[in-house]
């Protein structure tokens, strides 16, 4: 596995319904797409690496965001307000 560098690092942020935000990093746009898709479909698994393992079902998730490197799409959108 390649080392995470600033040039290929994507931060995944999972926004919960109780205002907490879980964050972790993955390598590259393809991995980011995989993780975001899985989280939205199956929920989020929190593992602090020290004995705590929790699964949050999809209905508890308010938003999932991937930031860092550009992630290409055929359908870029724009935000408008009313």
PDB file of N, CA and C in Angstrom:
ATOM      1  N   UNK A   1       0.845  -1.188   0.000  1.00  0.00           N
ATOM      2  CA  UNK A   1       0.000   0.000   0.000  1.00  0.00           C
ATOM      3  C   UNK A   1       0.880   1.238   0.000  1.00  0.00           C
ATOM      4  N   UNK A   2       0.531   2.198  -0.864  1.00  0.00           N
ATOM      5  CA  UNK A   2       1.286   3.444  -0.937  1.00  0.00           C
ATOM      6  C   UNK A   2       1.073   4.286   0.307  1.00  0.00           C
ATOM      7  N   UNK A   3       2.093   5.056   0.629  1.00  0.00           N
ATOM      8  CA  UNK A   3       2.000   5.963   1.763  1.00  0.00           C
ATOM      9  C   UNK A   3       1.097   7.141   1.398  1.00  0.00           C
ATOM     10  N   UNK A   4       0.288   7.559   2.362  1.00  0.00           N
ATOM     11  CA  UNK A   4      -0.548   8.736   2.138  1.00  0.00           C
ATOM     12  C   UNK A   4       0.338   9.969   2.080  1.00  0.00           C
ATOM     13  N   UNK A   5       0.212  10.717   1.006  1.00  0.00           N
ATOM     14  CA  UNK A   5       0.928  11.977   0.875  1.00  0.00           C
ATOM     15  C   UNK A   5      -0.079  13.074   0.636  1.00  0.00           C
ATOM     16  N   UNK A   6       0.355  14.304   0.757  1.00  0.00           N
ATOM     17  CA  UNK A   6      -0.554  15.427   0.561  1.00  0.00           C
ATOM     18  C   UNK A   6      -1.155  15.417  -0.844  1.00  0.00           C
ATOM     19  N   UNK A   7      -0.403  14.901  -1.822  1.00  0.00           N
ATOM     20  CA  UNK A   7      -0.869  14.928  -3.203  1.00  0.00           C
ATOM     21  C   UNK A   7      -1.924  13.873  -3.521  1.00  0.00           C
ATOM     22  N   UNK A   8      -2.072  12.836  -2.678  1.00  0.00           N
ATOM     23  CA  UNK A   8      -3.061  11.801  -2.985  1.00  0.00           C
ATOM     24  C   UNK A   8      -4.029  11.525  -1.834  1.00  0.00           C
ATOM     25  N   UNK A   9      -3.984  12.336  -0.804  1.00  0.00           N
ATOM     26  CA  UNK A   9      -4.781  12.106   0.406  1.00  0.00           C
ATOM     27  C   UNK A   9      -6.173  12.717   0.274  1.00  0.00           C
ATOM     28  N   UNK A  10      -7.172  11.938   0.671  1.00  0.00           N
ATOM     29  CA  UNK A  10      -8.557  12.417   0.700  1.00  0.00           C
ATOM     30  C   UNK A  10      -9.084  12.197   2.116  1.00  0.00           C
ATOM     31  N   UNK A  11      -9.652  13.235   2.705  1.00  0.00           N
ATOM     32  CA  UNK A  11     -10.236  13.127   4.038  1.00  0.00           C
ATOM     33  C   UNK A  11     -11.725  12.847   3.901  1.00  0.00           C
ATOM     34  N   UNK A  12     -12.174  11.772   4.519  1.00  0.00           N
ATOM     35  CA  UNK A  12     -13.588  11.409   4.549  1.00  0.00           C
ATOM     36  C   UNK A  12     -14.157  11.924   5.865  1.00  0.00           C
ATOM     37  N   UNK A  13     -15.215  12.717   5.795  1.00  0.00           N
ATOM     38  CA  UNK A  13     -15.901  13.230   6.986  1.00  0.00           C
ATOM     39  C   UNK A  13     -17.324  12.681   6.993  1.00  0.00           C
ATOM     40  N   UNK A  14     -17.707  12.066   8.109  1.00  0.00           N
ATOM     41  CA  UNK A  14     -19.038  11.484   8.259  1.00  0.00           C
ATOM     42  C   UNK A  14     -19.774  12.290   9.321  1.00  0.00           C
ATOM     43  N   UNK A  15     -20.783  13.027   8.914  1.00  0.00           N
ATOM     44  CA  UNK A  15     -21.560  13.896   9.792  1.00  0.00           C
ATOM     45  C   UNK A  15     -22.751  13.111  10.338  1.00  0.00           C
ATOM     46  N   UNK A  16     -22.822  13.034  11.662  1.00  0.00           N
ATOM     47  CA  UNK A  16     -23.867  12.263  12.315  1.00  0.00           C
ATOM     48  C   UNK A  16     -25.043  13.156  12.723  1.00  0.00           C
ATOM     49  N   UNK A  17     -26.176  12.532  13.021  1.00  0.00           N
ATOM     50  CA  UNK A  17     -27.374  13.271  13.413  1.00  0.00           C
ATOM     51  C   UNK A  17     -27.261  13.920  14.787  1.00  0.00           C
ATOM     52  N   UNK A  18     -26.247  13.552  15.570  1.00  0.00           N
ATOM     53  CA  UNK A  18     -26.047  14.156  16.891  1.00  0.00           C
ATOM     54  C   UNK A  18     -24.924  15.199  16.893  1.00  0.00           C
ATOM     55  N   UNK A  19     -24.565  15.693  15.716  1.00  0.00           N
ATOM     56  CA  UNK A  19     -23.585  16.772  15.499  1.00  0.00           C
ATOM     57  C   UNK A  19     -22.132  16.322  15.582  1.00  0.00           C
ATOM     58  N   UNK A  20     -21.851  15.055  15.825  1.00  0.00           N
ATOM     59  CA  UNK A  20     -20.467  14.581  15.788  1.00  0.00           C
ATOM     60  C   UNK A  20     -20.035  14.397  14.343  1.00  0.00           C
ATOM     61  N   UNK A  21     -18.723  14.539  14.115  1.00  0.00           N
ATOM     62  CA  UNK A  21     -18.150  14.309  12.787  1.00  0.00           C
ATOM     63  C   UNK A  21     -16.978  13.350  12.946  1.00  0.00           C
ATOM     64  N   UNK A  22     -17.059  12.191  12.313  1.00  0.00           N
ATOM     65  CA  UNK A  22     -15.959  11.240  12.297  1.00  0.00           C
ATOM     66  C   UNK A  22     -15.131  11.511  11.053  1.00  0.00           C
ATOM     67  N   UNK A  23     -13.795  11.465  11.176  1.00  0.00           N
ATOM     68  CA  UNK A  23     -12.916  11.741  10.045  1.00  0.00           C
ATOM     69  C   UNK A  23     -11.814  10.696   9.949  1.00  0.00           C
ATOM     70  N   UNK A  24     -11.435  10.370   8.719  1.00  0.00           N
ATOM     71  CA  UNK A  24     -10.270   9.538   8.473  1.00  0.00           C
ATOM     72  C   UNK A  24      -9.802   9.799   7.049  1.00  0.00           C
ATOM     73  N   UNK A  25      -8.617   9.304   6.724  1.00  0.00           N
ATOM     74  CA  UNK A  25      -8.039   9.571   5.409  1.00  0.00           C
ATOM     75  C   UNK A  25      -7.869   8.293   4.607  1.00  0.00           C
ATOM     76  N   UNK A  26      -8.046   8.431   3.288  1.00  0.00           N
ATOM     77  CA  UNK A  26      -7.821   7.342   2.353  1.00  0.00           C
ATOM     78  C   UNK A  26      -6.907   7.852   1.246  1.00  0.00           C
ATOM     79  N   UNK A  27      -6.438   6.923   0.446  1.00  0.00           N
ATOM     80  CA  UNK A  27      -5.512   7.246  -0.634  1.00  0.00           C
ATOM     81  C   UNK A  27      -6.251   7.303  -1.966  1.00  0.00           C
ATOM     82  N   UNK A  28      -6.347   8.474  -2.545  1.00  0.00           N
ATOM     83  CA  UNK A  28      -6.840   8.635  -3.899  1.00  0.00           C
ATOM     84  C   UNK A  28      -8.343   8.748  -4.054  1.00  0.00           C
ATOM     85  N   UNK A  29      -8.723   9.232  -5.235  1.00  0.00           N
ATOM     86  CA  UNK A  29     -10.128   9.472  -5.552  1.00  0.00           C
ATOM     87  C   UNK A  29     -10.928   8.182  -5.655  1.00  0.00           C
ATOM     88  N   UNK A  30     -10.338   7.131  -6.199  1.00  0.00           N
ATOM     89  CA  UNK A  30     -11.068   5.862  -6.352  1.00  0.00           C
ATOM     90  C   UNK A  30     -11.449   5.286  -4.986  1.00  0.00           C
ATOM     91  N   UNK A  31     -10.515   5.290  -4.039  1.00  0.00           N
ATOM     92  CA  UNK A  31     -10.818   4.805  -2.685  1.00  0.00           C
ATOM     93  C   UNK A  31     -11.866   5.681  -2.016  1.00  0.00           C
ATOM     94  N   UNK A  32     -11.779   6.984  -2.231  1.00  0.00           N
ATOM     95  CA  UNK A  32     -12.755   7.901  -1.638  1.00  0.00           C
ATOM     96  C   UNK A  32     -14.156   7.577  -2.144  1.00  0.00           C
ATOM     97  N   UNK A  33     -14.293   7.359  -3.434  1.00  0.00           N
ATOM     98  CA  UNK A  33     -15.601   6.993  -3.996  1.00  0.00           C
ATOM     99  C   UNK A  33     -16.130   5.706  -3.380  1.00  0.00           C
ATOM    100  N   UNK A  34     -15.266   4.703  -3.254  1.00  0.00           N
ATOM    101  CA  UNK A  34     -15.664   3.423  -2.656  1.00  0.00           C
ATOM    102  C   UNK A  34     -16.165   3.611  -1.226  1.00  0.00           C
ATOM    103  N   UNK A  35     -15.400   4.337  -0.429  1.00  0.00           N
ATOM    104  CA  UNK A  35     -15.752   4.521   0.979  1.00  0.00           C
ATOM    105  C   UNK A  35     -17.039   5.317   1.144  1.00  0.00           C
ATOM    106  N   UNK A  36     -17.168   6.413   0.406  1.00  0.00           N
ATOM    107  CA  UNK A  36     -18.376   7.244   0.517  1.00  0.00           C
ATOM    108  C   UNK A  36     -19.609   6.434   0.119  1.00  0.00           C
ATOM    109  N   UNK A  37     -19.497   5.696  -0.966  1.00  0.00           N
ATOM    110  CA  UNK A  37     -20.622   4.883  -1.425  1.00  0.00           C
ATOM    111  C   UNK A  37     -21.013   3.832  -0.388  1.00  0.00           C
ATOM    112  N   UNK A  38     -20.028   3.155   0.187  1.00  0.00           N
ATOM    113  CA  UNK A  38     -20.307   2.118   1.188  1.00  0.00           C
ATOM    114  C   UNK A  38     -20.925   2.710   2.452  1.00  0.00           C
ATOM    115  N   UNK A  39     -20.444   3.868   2.879  1.00  0.00           N
ATOM    116  CA  UNK A  39     -20.980   4.496   4.092  1.00  0.00           C
ATOM    117  C   UNK A  39     -22.441   4.879   3.895  1.00  0.00           C
ATOM    118  N   UNK A  40     -22.749   5.465   2.758  1.00  0.00           N
ATOM    119  CA  UNK A  40     -24.132   5.875   2.488  1.00  0.00           C
ATOM    120  C   UNK A  40     -25.052   4.659   2.399  1.00  0.00           C
ATOM    121  N   UNK A  41     -24.567   3.589   1.803  1.00  0.00           N
ATOM    122  CA  UNK A  41     -25.397   2.390   1.626  1.00  0.00           C
ATOM    123  C   UNK A  41     -25.530   1.547   2.893  1.00  0.00           C
ATOM    124  N   UNK A  42     -24.422   1.381   3.638  1.00  0.00           N
ATOM    125  CA  UNK A  42     -24.423   0.417   4.738  1.00  0.00           C
ATOM    126  C   UNK A  42     -24.235   1.020   6.120  1.00  0.00           C
ATOM    127  N   UNK A  43     -23.987   2.315   6.196  1.00  0.00           N
ATOM    128  CA  UNK A  43     -23.753   2.944   7.491  1.00  0.00           C
ATOM    129  C   UNK A  43     -22.276   3.115   7.766  1.00  0.00           C
ATOM    130  N   UNK A  44     -21.972   3.599   8.956  1.00  0.00           N
ATOM    131  CA  UNK A  44     -20.586   3.892   9.326  1.00  0.00           C
ATOM    132  C   UNK A  44     -20.160   3.027  10.502  1.00  0.00           C
ATOM    133  N   UNK A  45     -18.944   2.493  10.431  1.00  0.00           N
ATOM    134  CA  UNK A  45     -18.371   1.716  11.510  1.00  0.00           C
ATOM    135  C   UNK A  45     -17.267   2.542  12.150  1.00  0.00           C
ATOM    136  N   UNK A  46     -17.446   2.867  13.422  1.00  0.00           N
ATOM    137  CA  UNK A  46     -16.441   3.613  14.181  1.00  0.00           C
ATOM    138  C   UNK A  46     -15.576   2.633  14.945  1.00  0.00           C
ATOM    139  N   UNK A  47     -14.271   2.772  14.781  1.00  0.00           N
ATOM    140  CA  UNK A  47     -13.318   1.934  15.494  1.00  0.00           C
ATOM    141  C   UNK A  47     -12.190   2.843  15.947  1.00  0.00           C
ATOM    142  N   UNK A  48     -12.073   3.067  17.247  1.00  0.00           N
ATOM    143  CA  UNK A  48     -11.048   3.985  17.753  1.00  0.00           C
ATOM    144  C   UNK A  48      -9.677   3.336  17.895  1.00  0.00           C
ATOM    145  N   UNK A  49      -9.561   2.055  17.583  1.00  0.00           N
ATOM    146  CA  UNK A  49      -8.286   1.366  17.677  1.00  0.00           C
ATOM    147  C   UNK A  49      -7.882   1.006  19.095  1.00  0.00           C
ATOM    148  N   UNK A  50      -8.735   1.311  20.063  1.00  0.00           N
ATOM    149  CA  UNK A  50      -8.405   1.047  21.463  1.00  0.00           C
ATOM    150  C   UNK A  50      -9.514   0.296  22.179  1.00  0.00           C
ATOM    151  N   UNK A  51     -10.281  -0.485  21.438  1.00  0.00           N
ATOM    152  CA  UNK A  51     -11.292  -1.300  22.084  1.00  0.00           C
ATOM    153  C   UNK A  51     -12.724  -0.877  21.859  1.00  0.00           C
ATOM    154  N   UNK A  52     -12.956   0.208  21.134  1.00  0.00           N
ATOM    155  CA  UNK A  52     -14.332   0.642  20.884  1.00  0.00           C
ATOM    156  C   UNK A  52     -14.673   0.402  19.420  1.00  0.00           C
ATOM    157  N   UNK A  53     -15.752  -0.316  19.182  1.00  0.00           N
ATOM    158  CA  UNK A  53     -16.211  -0.651  17.835  1.00  0.00           C
ATOM    159  C   UNK A  53     -17.715  -0.428  17.806  1.00  0.00           C
ATOM    160  N   UNK A  54     -18.165   0.484  16.975  1.00  0.00           N
ATOM    161  CA  UNK A  54     -19.600   0.807  16.902  1.00  0.00           C
ATOM    162  C   UNK A  54     -20.043   0.871  15.448  1.00  0.00           C
ATOM    163  N   UNK A  55     -21.249   0.435  15.189  1.00  0.00           N
ATOM    164  CA  UNK A  55     -21.834   0.554  13.856  1.00  0.00           C
ATOM    165  C   UNK A  55     -23.010   1.518  13.922  1.00  0.00           C
ATOM    166  N   UNK A  56     -23.008   2.509  13.038  1.00  0.00           N
ATOM    167  CA  UNK A  56     -24.112   3.457  12.944  1.00  0.00           C
ATOM    168  C   UNK A  56     -24.862   3.180  11.641  1.00  0.00           C
ATOM    169  N   UNK A  57     -26.163   2.926  11.708  1.00  0.00           N
ATOM    170  CA  UNK A  57     -26.933   2.655  10.494  1.00  0.00           C
ATOM    171  C   UNK A  57     -27.059   3.910   9.625  1.00  0.00           C
ATOM    172  N   UNK A  58     -27.343   3.724   8.340  1.00  0.00           N
ATOM    173  CA  UNK A  58     -27.407   4.866   7.416  1.00  0.00           C
ATOM    174  C   UNK A  58     -28.344   5.990   7.856  1.00  0.00           C
ATOM    175  N   UNK A  59     -29.451   5.685   8.520  1.00  0.00           N
ATOM    176  CA  UNK A  59     -30.399   6.740   8.890  1.00  0.00           C
ATOM    177  C   UNK A  59     -29.834   7.701   9.936  1.00  0.00           C
ATOM    178  N   UNK A  60     -28.724   7.355  10.583  1.00  0.00           N
ATOM    179  CA  UNK A  60     -28.082   8.243  11.554  1.00  0.00           C
ATOM    180  C   UNK A  60     -27.123   9.242  10.890  1.00  0.00           C
ATOM    181  N   UNK A  61     -26.824   9.042   9.623  1.00  0.00           N
ATOM    182  CA  UNK A  61     -25.836   9.866   8.914  1.00  0.00           C
ATOM    183  C   UNK A  61     -26.530  11.021   8.200  1.00  0.00           C
ATOM    184  N   UNK A  62     -26.061  12.241   8.488  1.00  0.00           N
ATOM    185  CA  UNK A  62     -26.617  13.437   7.858  1.00  0.00           C
ATOM    186  C   UNK A  62     -25.942  13.746   6.533  1.00  0.00           C
ATOM    187  N   UNK A  63     -24.616  13.515   6.474  1.00  0.00           N
ATOM    188  CA  UNK A  63     -23.862  13.866   5.275  1.00  0.00           C
ATOM    189  C   UNK A  63     -22.534  13.138   5.299  1.00  0.00           C
ATOM    190  N   UNK A  64     -22.003  12.848   4.104  1.00  0.00           N
ATOM    191  CA  UNK A  64     -20.661  12.299   3.962  1.00  0.00           C
ATOM    192  C   UNK A  64     -19.926  13.188   2.967  1.00  0.00           C
ATOM    193  N   UNK A  65     -18.735  13.650   3.348  1.00  0.00           N
ATOM    194  CA  UNK A  65     -17.987  14.575   2.513  1.00  0.00           C
ATOM    195  C   UNK A  65     -16.571  14.051   2.306  1.00  0.00           C
ATOM    196  N   UNK A  66     -16.070  14.173   1.073  1.00  0.00           N
ATOM    197  CA  UNK A  66     -14.689  13.819   0.748  1.00  0.00           C
ATOM    198  C   UNK A  66     -13.986  15.081   0.262  1.00  0.00           C
ATOM    199  N   UNK A  67     -12.878  15.446   0.920  1.00  0.00           N
ATOM    200  CA  UNK A  67     -12.135  16.639   0.545  1.00  0.00           C
ATOM    201  C   UNK A  67     -10.659  16.319   0.419  1.00  0.00           C
ATOM    202  N   UNK A  68      -9.961  17.112  -0.338  1.00  0.00           N
ATOM    203  CA  UNK A  68      -8.520  16.940  -0.504  1.00  0.00           C
ATOM    204  C   UNK A  68      -8.140  17.143  -1.949  1.00  0.00           C
ATOM    205  N   UNK A  69      -8.120  16.058  -2.706  1.00  0.00           N
ATOM    206  CA  UNK A  69      -7.792  16.155  -4.125  1.00  0.00           C
ATOM    207  C   UNK A  69      -9.090  16.232  -4.929  1.00  0.00           C
ATOM    208  N   UNK A  70      -9.025  16.769  -6.148  1.00  0.00           N
ATOM    209  CA  UNK A  70     -10.240  16.804  -6.977  1.00  0.00           C
ATOM    210  C   UNK A  70     -10.725  15.386  -7.310  1.00  0.00           C
ATOM    211  N   UNK A  71     -12.027  15.204  -7.267  1.00  0.00           N
ATOM    212  CA  UNK A  71     -12.643  13.928  -7.640  1.00  0.00           C
ATOM    213  C   UNK A  71     -13.502  14.206  -8.864  1.00  0.00           C
ATOM    214  N   UNK A  72     -13.079  13.659  -9.984  1.00  0.00           N
ATOM    215  CA  UNK A  72     -13.724  13.941 -11.267  1.00  0.00           C
ATOM    216  C   UNK A  72     -15.144  13.387 -11.325  1.00  0.00           C
ATOM    217  N   UNK A  73     -16.000  14.085 -12.049  1.00  0.00           N
ATOM    218  CA  UNK A  73     -17.367  13.626 -12.277  1.00  0.00           C
ATOM    219  C   UNK A  73     -17.824  14.097 -13.653  1.00  0.00           C
ATOM    220  N   UNK A  74     -18.691  13.336 -14.257  1.00  0.00           N
ATOM    221  CA  UNK A  74     -19.271  13.740 -15.545  1.00  0.00           C
ATOM    222  C   UNK A  74     -20.386  14.753 -15.348  1.00  0.00           C
ATOM    223  N   UNK A  75     -20.893  14.856 -14.130  1.00  0.00           N
ATOM    224  CA  UNK A  75     -22.054  15.691 -13.874  1.00  0.00           C
ATOM    225  C   UNK A  75     -21.804  16.693 -12.743  1.00  0.00           C
ATOM    226  N   UNK A  76     -20.920  17.667 -12.961  1.00  0.00           N
ATOM    227  CA  UNK A  76     -20.714  18.663 -11.910  1.00  0.00           C
ATOM    228  C   UNK A  76     -21.999  19.466 -11.705  1.00  0.00           C
ATOM    229  N   UNK A  77     -22.256  19.861 -10.468  1.00  0.00           N
ATOM    230  CA  UNK A  77     -23.474  20.610 -10.184  1.00  0.00           C
ATOM    231  C   UNK A  77     -23.143  21.976  -9.615  1.00  0.00           C
ATOM    232  N   UNK A  78     -24.137  22.722  -9.289  1.00  0.00           N
ATOM    233  CA  UNK A  78     -23.976  24.033  -8.685  1.00  0.00           C
ATOM    234  C   UNK A  78     -25.046  24.171  -7.602  1.00  0.00           C
ATOM    235  N   UNK A  79     -24.793  25.020  -6.658  1.00  0.00           N
ATOM    236  CA  UNK A  79     -25.718  25.223  -5.539  1.00  0.00           C
ATOM    237  C   UNK A  79     -26.447  26.542  -5.754  1.00  0.00           C
ATOM    238  N   UNK A  80     -27.753  26.510  -5.541  1.00  0.00           N
ATOM    239  CA  UNK A  80     -28.548  27.731  -5.596  1.00  0.00           C
ATOM    240  C   UNK A  80     -29.456  27.751  -4.369  1.00  0.00           C
ATOM    241  N   UNK A  81     -29.964  28.878  -4.068  1.00  0.00           N
ATOM    242  CA  UNK A  81     -30.859  28.993  -2.932  1.00  0.00           C
ATOM    243  C   UNK A  81     -32.197  29.572  -3.378  1.00  0.00           C
ATOM    244  N   UNK A  82     -33.163  29.471  -2.513  1.00  0.00           N
ATOM    245  CA  UNK A  82     -34.472  30.040  -2.848  1.00  0.00           C
ATOM    246  C   UNK A  82     -34.792  31.157  -1.887  1.00  0.00           C
TER     247      UNK A  82
END
